């Protein structure tokens, strides 16, 4: 079967137009994805049958500029119940710090505890609690290379979860 010259030209033009449309579509999608604002990682917290996703309460670039601040996430964690935290790879693959605040249910005194995790060491943590020590909150900190006067790294991202 021989196609006429005119039919061959039409098919070639249609094929060329499809290639151009595909190239333009690919370029537009690439540009949209490339220029999209990066979203900060989220932390998942679970206690007593409820889970929440926490956005960072403070998130800055590595130079501690262009900081974004958001509200603190809350979660009901009854005294004696543990809090389970899950951090994404963006946090776990870097050194990160967990700060825990407890309150004595009898005296009202507060206690602070903390631990530093090495890169890649931990993606999930269970924060213990007992009936006499109410868990008041946790803070996950992603330190930057910037240090304070004491030589301690300053957090460039903080995820805070207030418990009650």
Protein backbone atom coordinates (compact mmCIF):
# COMPACT_ATOMS: atom_id res chain seq x y z
CA UNK A 1 0.00 0.00 0.00
CA UNK A 2 1.48 3.25 -1.13
CA UNK A 3 0.58 6.44 0.63
CA UNK A 4 0.20 9.53 -1.40
CA UNK A 5 2.77 12.28 -0.93
CA UNK A 6 0.13 14.53 0.57
CA UNK A 7 -0.86 11.91 3.19
CA UNK A 8 2.80 11.35 4.08
CA UNK A 9 3.28 15.08 4.59
CA UNK A 10 0.19 15.29 6.81
CA UNK A 11 1.35 12.39 8.98
CA UNK A 12 4.84 13.92 9.26
CA UNK A 13 3.37 17.30 10.30
CA UNK A 14 1.10 15.70 12.91
CA UNK A 15 4.00 13.64 14.30
CA UNK A 16 6.19 16.76 14.45
CA UNK A 17 3.46 18.74 16.19
CA UNK A 18 3.04 15.95 18.77
CA UNK A 19 6.78 15.96 19.49
CA UNK A 20 6.72 19.75 19.97
CA UNK A 21 3.67 19.56 22.26
CA UNK A 22 5.30 16.79 24.31
CA UNK A 23 8.52 18.80 24.63
CA UNK A 24 6.67 21.96 25.72
CA UNK A 25 4.59 19.98 28.24
CA UNK A 26 7.72 18.36 29.69
CA UNK A 27 9.46 21.75 29.97
CA UNK A 28 6.48 23.33 31.73
CA UNK A 29 6.17 20.46 34.23
CA UNK A 30 9.91 20.54 34.91
CA UNK A 31 9.84 24.30 35.50
CA UNK A 32 6.86 24.05 37.87
CA UNK A 33 8.48 21.28 39.91
CA UNK A 34 11.86 23.03 39.93
CA UNK A 35 10.42 26.33 41.15
CA UNK A 36 8.07 24.84 43.76
CA UNK A 37 8.75 25.88 47.33
CA UNK A 38 10.33 23.04 49.29
CA UNK A 39 8.11 21.90 52.14
CA UNK A 40 9.70 21.30 55.53
CA UNK A 41 9.63 17.76 56.91
CA UNK A 42 6.92 16.74 59.37
CA UNK A 43 7.10 14.70 62.57
CA UNK A 44 4.41 12.18 63.49
CA UNK A 45 3.43 11.72 67.15
CA UNK A 46 1.17 9.00 68.57
CA UNK A 47 -0.26 8.49 72.07
CA UNK A 48 -3.33 6.88 73.62
CA UNK A 49 -4.89 5.97 70.25
CA UNK A 50 -4.42 9.37 68.59
CA UNK A 51 -1.80 10.56 66.14
CA UNK A 52 -0.90 14.04 64.93
CA UNK A 53 1.45 15.40 62.32
CA UNK A 54 3.62 18.26 63.48
CA UNK A 55 4.97 20.94 61.20
CA UNK A 56 8.09 22.73 62.38
CA UNK A 57 7.35 25.55 64.80
CA UNK A 58 10.49 27.24 63.51
CA UNK A 59 12.27 26.46 60.25
CA UNK A 60 15.24 28.47 58.96
CA UNK A 61 17.79 28.04 56.20
CA UNK A 62 21.31 26.94 57.14
CA UNK A 63 22.37 30.54 57.70
CA UNK A 64 19.48 31.07 60.16
CA UNK A 65 17.80 33.49 57.78
CA UNK A 66 14.37 33.39 56.17
CA UNK A 67 12.83 31.75 59.23
CA UNK A 68 9.22 30.57 59.18
CA UNK A 69 7.31 30.14 62.43
CA UNK A 70 4.10 28.17 62.96
CA UNK A 71 1.88 27.14 65.85
CA UNK A 72 2.82 24.38 68.27
CA UNK A 73 1.05 21.05 67.72
CA UNK A 74 -0.88 19.63 70.68
CA UNK A 75 -1.64 16.03 71.64
CA UNK A 76 -3.42 14.54 74.66
CA UNK A 77 -0.97 12.21 76.42
CA UNK A 78 -2.45 11.07 79.76
CA UNK A 79 -0.01 10.58 82.65
CA UNK A 80 1.50 7.11 82.44
CA UNK A 81 1.05 6.79 78.66
CA UNK A 82 4.10 6.82 76.37
CA UNK A 83 4.51 9.14 73.41
CA UNK A 84 5.79 7.62 70.18
CA UNK A 85 7.59 9.87 67.71
CA UNK A 86 8.48 9.14 64.11
CA UNK A 87 10.87 11.42 62.27
CA UNK A 88 11.42 11.45 58.50
CA UNK A 89 14.77 10.81 56.82
CA UNK A 90 15.40 14.57 56.47
CA UNK A 91 15.73 14.68 60.27
CA UNK A 92 17.02 11.17 61.04
CA UNK A 93 19.83 11.37 58.49
CA UNK A 94 21.32 14.36 60.33
CA UNK A 95 22.32 14.77 63.97
CA UNK A 96 19.20 15.77 65.90
CA UNK A 97 18.22 16.46 69.48
CA UNK A 98 15.13 15.48 71.51
CA UNK A 99 14.19 17.62 74.52
CA UNK A 100 11.50 16.25 76.89
CA UNK A 101 9.70 18.22 79.62
CA UNK A 102 7.95 16.43 82.50
CA UNK A 103 5.85 17.84 85.35
CA UNK A 104 5.56 16.26 88.80
CA UNK A 105 1.80 15.79 89.36
CA UNK A 106 2.17 16.28 93.15
CA UNK A 107 4.61 19.18 93.45
CA UNK A 108 4.11 20.88 90.09
CA UNK A 109 7.87 21.00 89.58
CA UNK A 110 9.12 20.60 86.00
CA UNK A 111 12.03 18.48 84.78
CA UNK A 112 13.93 18.68 81.55
CA UNK A 113 15.58 15.72 79.84
CA UNK A 114 17.30 15.47 76.49
CA UNK A 115 19.24 13.23 74.18
CA UNK A 116 21.29 13.82 71.03
CA UNK A 117 21.03 11.30 68.18
CA UNK A 118 23.76 10.71 65.64
CA UNK A 119 23.06 10.79 61.90
CA UNK A 120 21.03 7.78 60.82
CA UNK A 121 20.83 6.33 64.35
CA UNK A 122 17.11 6.72 65.07
CA UNK A 123 13.90 7.22 63.08
CA UNK A 124 11.46 6.43 65.88
CA UNK A 125 11.53 7.14 69.61
CA UNK A 126 9.25 6.17 72.47
CA UNK A 127 9.15 8.79 75.23
CA UNK A 128 8.26 7.05 78.49
CA UNK A 129 5.94 8.42 81.15
CA UNK A 130 4.70 7.29 84.52
CA UNK A 131 1.58 8.27 86.48
CA UNK A 132 3.50 10.59 88.85
CA UNK A 133 5.27 12.45 86.00
CA UNK A 134 3.02 14.08 83.42
CA UNK A 135 4.66 14.55 80.04
CA UNK A 136 4.27 18.28 79.29
CA UNK A 137 5.88 18.42 75.88
CA UNK A 138 8.70 17.48 73.55
CA UNK A 139 10.87 19.41 71.18
CA UNK A 140 12.82 17.98 68.27
CA UNK A 141 15.70 20.16 67.17
CA UNK A 142 17.74 19.97 64.00
CA UNK A 143 20.92 21.91 64.84
CA UNK A 144 22.75 23.98 62.28
CA UNK A 145 26.48 24.46 61.84
CA UNK A 146 26.12 27.82 63.61
CA UNK A 147 27.15 27.66 67.28
CA UNK A 148 26.45 29.94 70.24
CA UNK A 149 29.07 31.44 72.63
CA UNK A 150 29.29 28.13 74.52
CA UNK A 151 30.03 26.21 71.32
CA UNK A 152 26.57 24.59 71.21
CA UNK A 153 24.90 24.31 67.79
CA UNK A 154 21.87 26.54 67.33
CA UNK A 155 18.73 24.83 66.05
CA UNK A 156 17.70 25.81 62.55
CA UNK A 157 14.53 23.74 62.74
CA UNK A 158 12.32 22.96 65.72
CA UNK A 159 9.25 20.73 65.97
CA UNK A 160 7.36 21.21 69.24
CA UNK A 161 4.51 19.09 70.54
CA UNK A 162 2.68 20.26 73.64
CA UNK A 163 1.11 17.42 75.58
CA UNK A 164 -1.55 17.62 78.25
